[in-house]
Amino acid sequence: MSVQKLKSYIARKRTEEAEKEIFRNVLIVIQKTYQDLTSFKKFVISLIVMMLFPIVFLAFPTSINFNSISVQHASAAIAIQIIFPLWFWTLGIALICIVGTSGASLISEEVHSGSMLILVSKPITRIKIFLGKYIGLFLYGAILSFLAVFLLGWIAVLRYSANIQHFFGLIPFLVASYIYSLVILLIFCSITLALSSIVQRPRNAALGVLLLVIFSFIGMMVLKTFIADYYEEFYIYTIDLGYHLGNIYVGFMELFNAIPLVAEWQQWFGIMTGVYDVTSPTDPDQDINPGGMTRNDYVYPWVSLLIWVGIAVVLLVYGLYSLKKREISV
């Protein structure tokens, strides 16, 4: 072996070892982040909070005899009972607030306490530290949402029929809802860590996420009652983040054919998000719309998704830039 080849071989081995060291350090950051987030007590409390509101919905009686109808019909009826509280609370307000408050301290608190100085002293870039914390937070939320979605489905089946076949029939709906939750986690983990990188105090980062949640799920709904006449004329739906979240979720339901398109659940999304037209015509004899409500196709679901992804990406880029330029010292 020539001297040149030997030098090349040594340089390549050093590069490989350096890359392996960086990869190991990223894994350590992921593991530490996940362990810091998942204390047993905190995890159980978070799970209970996510399921509390839908369980209250399940307490209301229904006139359906689930044992006298087909498995497909029964599973669809159960999905109709839980779809709105699942979207609005379990995969909406509760999940986002839990992720936001849990992840708010991952960057800002470590910078403030000096712990970040230990990490940046290792052979790992700040961007990779950010990535490791992002993955750890995402895994925490993904496990939490998986358990919440499927436990809620199981509890709903026990509440209405206690028939295991009805749970199996409910799985397409639960899977579609869980995939939606992963999209929400991708977006709000980015927003949370971006804010944690930008602001000095964790509580300010958490407050930013909470304000965004309140504006999206409640604020715009209230505001629409005062500006209903101008909502479409001035394209206000483009900034209605609650509409876009509902539009994305309904888009997943339609894509996976996860639930019948009937007015019984669509009216909730019409009232709360404007995805459906609440003035859709009904059968005058039964006061229902058996064919489903009219969809307000202001924008396509993928456009709503791009709007939320755009917000997350802009904050993420600014957050990474802030973290990269931030002075880290004891």
Protein backbone atom coordinates (compact mmCIF):
# COMPACT_ATOMS: atom_id res chain seq x y z
CA MET A 1 0.00 0.00 0.00
CA SER A 2 1.43 3.37 -1.04
CA VAL A 3 1.85 6.24 1.41
CA GLN A 4 -0.89 8.22 -0.38
CA LYS A 5 -3.36 5.37 -0.11
CA LEU A 6 -2.46 4.87 3.55
CA LYS A 7 -3.11 8.56 4.28
CA SER A 8 -6.39 8.39 2.41
CA TYR A 9 -7.44 5.29 4.37
CA ILE A 10 -6.56 6.90 7.73
CA ALA A 11 -8.44 10.09 6.81
CA ARG A 12 -11.51 8.09 5.79
CA LYS A 13 -11.45 6.09 9.03
CA ARG A 14 -11.17 9.27 11.07
CA THR A 15 -14.15 10.74 9.21
CA GLU A 16 -16.19 7.59 9.80
CA GLU A 17 -15.32 7.58 13.49
CA ALA A 18 -16.25 11.26 13.79
CA GLU A 19 -19.59 10.62 12.09
CA LYS A 20 -20.28 7.66 14.38
CA GLU A 21 -19.45 9.81 17.42
CA ILE A 22 -21.86 12.52 16.24
CA PHE A 23 -24.58 9.90 15.64
CA ARG A 24 -24.03 8.44 19.12
CA ASN A 25 -24.28 11.91 20.64
CA VAL A 26 -27.55 12.58 18.78
CA LEU A 27 -28.94 9.29 20.10
CA ILE A 28 -27.89 10.28 23.61
CA VAL A 29 -29.75 13.59 23.24
CA ILE A 30 -32.86 11.75 21.97
CA GLN A 31 -32.72 9.24 24.83
CA LYS A 32 -32.14 11.88 27.50
CA THR A 33 -34.94 14.10 26.13
CA TYR A 34 -37.39 11.22 26.03
CA GLN A 35 -36.47 10.07 29.55
CA ASP A 36 -36.79 13.60 30.93
CA LEU A 37 -40.29 13.88 29.45
CA THR A 38 -41.69 10.47 30.35
CA SER A 39 -41.92 10.16 34.10
CA PHE A 40 -44.61 7.58 34.88
CA LYS A 41 -46.75 9.95 36.93
CA LYS A 42 -46.66 12.71 34.34
CA PHE A 43 -47.38 10.28 31.49
CA VAL A 44 -50.43 8.78 33.23
CA ILE A 45 -51.82 12.22 34.15
CA SER A 46 -51.35 13.42 30.55
CA LEU A 47 -53.15 10.34 29.23
CA ILE A 48 -56.07 10.85 31.62
CA VAL A 49 -56.34 14.54 30.65
CA MET A 50 -56.41 13.63 26.95
CA MET A 51 -59.24 11.13 27.46
CA LEU A 52 -61.33 13.00 30.02
CA PHE A 53 -63.48 15.15 27.72
CA PRO A 54 -64.35 12.33 25.25
CA ILE A 55 -65.30 10.06 28.17
CA VAL A 56 -67.75 12.75 29.31
CA PHE A 57 -69.25 12.61 25.81
CA LEU A 58 -69.60 8.84 26.15
CA ALA A 59 -71.68 9.30 29.30
CA PHE A 60 -74.59 10.61 27.26
CA PRO A 61 -77.14 7.90 26.38
CA THR A 62 -77.90 6.76 22.84
CA SER A 63 -81.03 5.13 21.43
CA ILE A 64 -79.05 2.77 19.17
CA ASN A 65 -79.21 -0.95 19.92
CA PHE A 66 -75.67 -1.90 18.89
CA ASN A 67 -76.28 -5.64 19.15
CA SER A 68 -79.14 -5.57 16.64
CA ILE A 69 -77.23 -3.94 13.77
CA SER A 70 -74.35 -5.03 11.56
CA VAL A 71 -70.74 -4.79 12.69
CA GLN A 72 -70.01 -2.12 10.06
CA HIS A 73 -73.01 -0.04 11.11
CA ALA A 74 -72.20 -0.40 14.82
CA SER A 75 -68.54 0.57 14.33
CA ALA A 76 -69.57 3.61 12.30
CA ALA A 77 -72.08 4.63 14.99
CA ILE A 78 -69.39 4.41 17.68
CA ALA A 79 -66.99 6.48 15.55
CA ILE A 80 -69.69 9.12 15.12
CA GLN A 81 -70.07 9.35 18.91
CA ILE A 82 -66.38 10.09 19.54
CA ILE A 83 -65.09 11.84 16.42
CA PHE A 84 -65.61 15.44 17.54
CA PRO A 85 -64.23 15.21 21.12
CA LEU A 86 -61.35 13.11 19.76
CA TRP A 87 -60.40 15.84 17.27
CA PHE A 88 -61.23 18.88 19.39
CA TRP A 89 -59.76 17.74 22.70
CA THR A 90 -57.68 14.54 22.59
CA LEU A 91 -55.74 15.31 19.40
CA GLY A 92 -56.33 19.05 19.62
CA ILE A 93 -56.26 21.21 22.73
CA ALA A 94 -54.99 18.53 25.14
CA LEU A 95 -52.26 16.98 22.96
CA ILE A 96 -50.92 20.31 21.70
CA CYS A 97 -50.88 21.88 25.17
CA ILE A 98 -49.12 18.84 26.64
CA VAL A 99 -46.49 18.89 23.89
CA GLY A 100 -46.15 22.66 24.17
CA THR A 101 -45.70 22.78 27.94
CA SER A 102 -43.44 19.71 27.96
CA GLY A 103 -41.19 20.90 25.15
CA ALA A 104 -41.02 24.59 26.08
CA SER A 105 -38.06 24.08 28.41
CA LEU A 106 -36.03 21.72 26.21
CA ILE A 107 -33.89 24.49 24.71
CA SER A 108 -34.49 27.69 26.70
CA GLU A 109 -34.16 26.11 30.17
CA GLU A 110 -30.95 24.28 29.25
CA VAL A 111 -29.45 27.48 27.87
CA HIS A 112 -30.56 29.41 30.96
CA SER A 113 -29.21 26.79 33.40
CA GLY A 114 -25.93 26.24 31.54
CA SER A 115 -26.65 22.60 30.66
CA MET A 116 -26.51 23.46 26.96
CA LEU A 117 -22.85 24.41 27.41
CA ILE A 118 -22.02 20.76 28.15
CA LEU A 119 -23.76 19.62 24.96
CA VAL A 120 -22.15 22.19 22.65
CA SER A 121 -18.74 21.29 24.07
CA LYS A 122 -19.13 17.82 22.54
CA PRO A 123 -18.55 17.03 18.84
CA ILE A 124 -22.17 17.78 17.89
CA THR A 125 -23.64 20.85 16.22
CA ARG A 126 -26.45 22.91 17.68
CA ILE A 127 -28.70 21.88 14.80
CA LYS A 128 -28.17 18.21 15.68
CA ILE A 129 -28.89 18.98 19.34
CA PHE A 130 -32.14 20.60 18.18
CA LEU A 131 -32.90 17.55 16.01
CA GLY A 132 -32.27 15.14 18.90
CA LYS A 133 -34.63 17.07 21.19
CA TYR A 134 -37.22 17.30 18.41
CA ILE A 135 -37.21 13.52 17.88
CA GLY A 136 -37.41 12.88 21.63
CA LEU A 137 -40.42 15.21 21.97
CA PHE A 138 -42.09 13.73 18.89
CA LEU A 139 -41.68 10.15 20.17
CA TYR A 140 -43.19 11.16 23.51
CA GLY A 141 -46.21 12.70 21.79
CA ALA A 142 -46.56 9.80 19.33
CA ILE A 143 -46.72 7.19 22.09
CA LEU A 144 -49.10 9.33 24.13
CA SER A 145 -51.47 9.92 21.20
CA PHE A 146 -51.37 6.24 20.14
CA LEU A 147 -52.44 5.08 23.59
CA ALA A 148 -55.08 7.81 23.90
CA VAL A 149 -56.66 7.09 20.49
CA PHE A 150 -56.84 3.32 20.81
CA LEU A 151 -57.77 3.28 24.50
CA LEU A 152 -60.57 5.71 23.79
CA GLY A 153 -61.79 3.48 20.96
CA TRP A 154 -61.74 0.47 23.29
CA ILE A 155 -63.56 2.33 26.07
CA ALA A 156 -66.21 3.51 23.57
CA VAL A 157 -66.78 -0.08 22.43
CA LEU A 158 -67.07 -1.27 26.05
CA ARG A 159 -69.51 1.57 26.75
CA TYR A 160 -71.86 0.83 23.86
CA SER A 161 -71.63 -2.85 22.95
CA ALA A 162 -68.69 -4.72 24.55
CA ASN A 163 -68.28 -6.52 21.21
CA ILE A 164 -64.68 -7.09 20.11
CA GLN A 165 -65.76 -7.17 16.45
CA HIS A 166 -66.98 -3.59 16.77
CA PHE A 167 -63.49 -2.57 17.92
CA PHE A 168 -61.93 -4.28 14.90
CA GLY A 169 -64.42 -2.45 12.69
CA LEU A 170 -63.37 0.82 14.35
CA ILE A 171 -59.66 0.37 13.56
CA PRO A 172 -59.68 2.22 10.16
CA PHE A 173 -61.14 5.27 11.90
CA LEU A 174 -58.64 5.03 14.77
CA VAL A 175 -55.70 4.58 12.37
CA ALA A 176 -56.76 7.63 10.30
CA SER A 177 -57.07 9.68 13.51
CA TYR A 178 -53.65 8.52 14.70
CA ILE A 179 -52.00 9.45 11.39
CA TYR A 180 -53.56 12.90 11.73
CA SER A 181 -52.09 13.15 15.24
CA LEU A 182 -48.60 12.44 13.82
CA VAL A 183 -49.03 15.33 11.39
CA ILE A 184 -50.10 17.59 14.26
CA LEU A 185 -47.06 16.47 16.26
CA LEU A 186 -44.69 17.21 13.37
CA ILE A 187 -46.12 20.72 13.18
CA PHE A 188 -46.37 21.58 16.87
CA CYS A 189 -43.08 19.97 17.92
CA SER A 190 -41.47 22.31 15.39
CA ILE A 191 -43.37 25.33 16.70
CA THR A 192 -42.67 24.46 20.35
CA LEU A 193 -38.92 23.95 19.93
CA ALA A 194 -38.67 26.98 17.66
CA LEU A 195 -40.23 29.16 20.37
CA SER A 196 -38.02 27.50 22.99
CA SER A 197 -34.99 28.50 20.91
CA ILE A 198 -36.18 32.06 20.32
CA VAL A 199 -37.41 33.19 23.76
CA GLN A 200 -35.38 33.40 26.96
CA ARG A 201 -37.81 31.76 29.39
CA PRO A 202 -39.64 28.39 29.06
CA ARG A 203 -42.94 29.84 30.32
CA ASN A 204 -42.95 32.34 27.45
CA ALA A 205 -42.49 29.53 24.93
CA ALA A 206 -45.31 27.53 26.55
CA LEU A 207 -47.50 30.64 26.63
CA GLY A 208 -46.89 31.16 22.91
CA VAL A 209 -48.15 27.64 22.14
CA LEU A 210 -51.15 28.04 24.47
CA LEU A 211 -52.15 31.32 22.83
CA LEU A 212 -51.90 29.72 19.40
CA VAL A 213 -54.14 26.86 20.57
CA ILE A 214 -56.72 29.23 22.07
CA PHE A 215 -56.78 31.33 18.90
CA SER A 216 -57.10 28.26 16.66
CA PHE A 217 -59.77 26.27 18.52
CA ILE A 218 -61.77 28.95 20.33
CA GLY A 219 -60.75 32.48 19.34
CA MET A 220 -61.66 32.30 15.65
CA MET A 221 -64.92 30.47 16.40
CA VAL A 222 -66.02 33.36 18.64
CA LEU A 223 -64.72 35.99 16.22
CA LYS A 224 -66.67 34.46 13.33
CA THR A 225 -69.96 35.18 15.10
CA PHE A 226 -69.18 38.91 14.79
CA ILE A 227 -67.71 38.91 11.28
CA ALA A 228 -69.88 36.27 9.62
CA ASP A 229 -70.94 38.66 6.86
CA TYR A 230 -67.33 39.38 5.93
CA TYR A 231 -65.83 35.91 6.46
CA GLU A 232 -65.99 34.81 2.82
CA GLU A 233 -66.01 38.25 1.19
CA PHE A 234 -62.63 39.19 2.64
CA TYR A 235 -61.18 35.62 2.60
CA ILE A 236 -60.82 35.60 6.39
CA TYR A 237 -60.83 31.79 6.29
CA THR A 238 -57.24 31.97 5.04
CA ILE A 239 -56.13 33.00 8.55
CA ASP A 240 -58.69 30.84 10.38
CA LEU A 241 -56.27 28.26 11.78
CA GLY A 242 -59.10 26.30 13.42
CA TYR A 243 -60.79 25.89 10.06
CA HIS A 244 -57.55 24.60 8.57
CA LEU A 245 -57.08 22.04 11.37
CA GLY A 246 -60.65 20.81 10.93
CA ASN A 247 -60.21 20.74 7.17
CA ILE A 248 -57.07 18.62 7.49
CA TYR A 249 -58.78 16.14 9.84
CA VAL A 250 -61.90 15.81 7.69
CA GLY A 251 -59.60 15.37 4.69
CA PHE A 252 -57.98 12.38 6.42
CA MET A 253 -61.42 10.93 7.22
CA GLU A 254 -62.42 11.19 3.56
CA LEU A 255 -59.07 9.93 2.26
CA PHE A 256 -59.25 6.74 4.35
CA ASN A 257 -63.04 6.43 4.05
CA ALA A 258 -62.93 6.13 7.84
CA ILE A 259 -66.45 7.28 8.74
CA PRO A 260 -69.78 7.78 6.94
CA LEU A 261 -70.33 11.37 5.81
CA VAL A 262 -73.46 12.10 7.84
CA ALA A 263 -74.76 15.27 9.45
CA GLU A 264 -74.69 13.84 12.97
CA TRP A 265 -70.96 14.52 13.33
CA GLN A 266 -70.52 17.03 10.50
CA GLN A 267 -72.66 19.61 12.32
CA TRP A 268 -70.05 19.82 15.10
CA PHE A 269 -67.31 20.61 12.59
CA GLY A 270 -69.64 23.06 10.84
CA ILE A 271 -70.30 24.98 14.05
CA MET A 272 -66.78 24.88 15.49
CA THR A 273 -64.63 25.18 12.36
CA GLY A 274 -66.80 26.10 9.38
CA VAL A 275 -65.68 23.06 7.37
CA TYR A 276 -69.35 22.29 6.71
CA ASP A 277 -72.22 24.64 5.96
CA VAL A 278 -74.54 24.60 8.97
CA THR A 279 -77.37 25.90 6.80
CA SER A 280 -77.34 22.76 4.63
CA PRO A 281 -80.88 21.67 3.69
CA THR A 282 -82.49 18.95 5.82
CA ASP A 283 -85.33 16.49 5.44
CA PRO A 284 -88.34 18.50 6.72
CA ASP A 285 -90.04 15.36 8.05
CA GLN A 286 -87.08 14.06 10.07
CA ASP A 287 -85.11 17.32 10.51
CA ILE A 288 -81.92 15.54 9.41
CA ASN A 289 -79.72 15.50 6.34
CA PRO A 290 -79.22 11.80 5.54
CA GLY A 291 -76.88 12.59 2.66
CA GLY A 292 -74.49 14.64 4.76
CA MET A 293 -73.92 18.37 4.99
CA THR A 294 -72.51 20.58 2.26
CA ARG A 295 -68.74 21.00 2.46
CA ASN A 296 -67.40 24.57 2.53
CA ASP A 297 -64.55 24.04 0.10
CA TYR A 298 -62.79 27.30 0.80
CA VAL A 299 -59.47 25.55 0.23
CA TYR A 300 -58.40 21.96 -0.34
CA PRO A 301 -57.23 19.98 2.74
CA TRP A 302 -53.69 19.85 1.37
CA VAL A 303 -53.67 23.65 1.15
CA SER A 304 -54.73 23.84 4.82
CA LEU A 305 -51.87 21.44 5.61
CA LEU A 306 -49.40 23.60 3.68
CA ILE A 307 -50.51 26.69 5.62
CA TRP A 308 -49.80 25.01 8.96
CA VAL A 309 -46.55 23.49 7.67
CA GLY A 310 -45.55 26.94 6.41
CA ILE A 311 -46.10 28.48 9.87
CA ALA A 312 -44.05 25.68 11.45
CA VAL A 313 -41.22 25.93 8.90
CA VAL A 314 -40.90 29.72 9.21
CA LEU A 315 -40.71 29.51 13.00
CA LEU A 316 -38.39 26.50 12.78
CA VAL A 317 -35.91 28.27 10.50
CA TYR A 318 -35.95 31.37 12.70
CA GLY A 319 -35.61 29.21 15.81
CA LEU A 320 -32.60 27.35 14.40
CA TYR A 321 -31.02 30.63 13.36
CA SER A 322 -31.60 32.06 16.86
CA LEU A 323 -30.12 28.98 18.50
CA LYS A 324 -27.10 29.05 16.21
CA LYS A 325 -26.41 32.73 16.98
CA ARG A 326 -27.31 32.53 20.65
CA GLU A 327 -24.51 33.09 23.13
CA ILE A 328 -24.28 30.09 25.45
CA SER A 329 -22.33 30.53 28.65
CA VAL A 330 -22.57 29.67 32.34
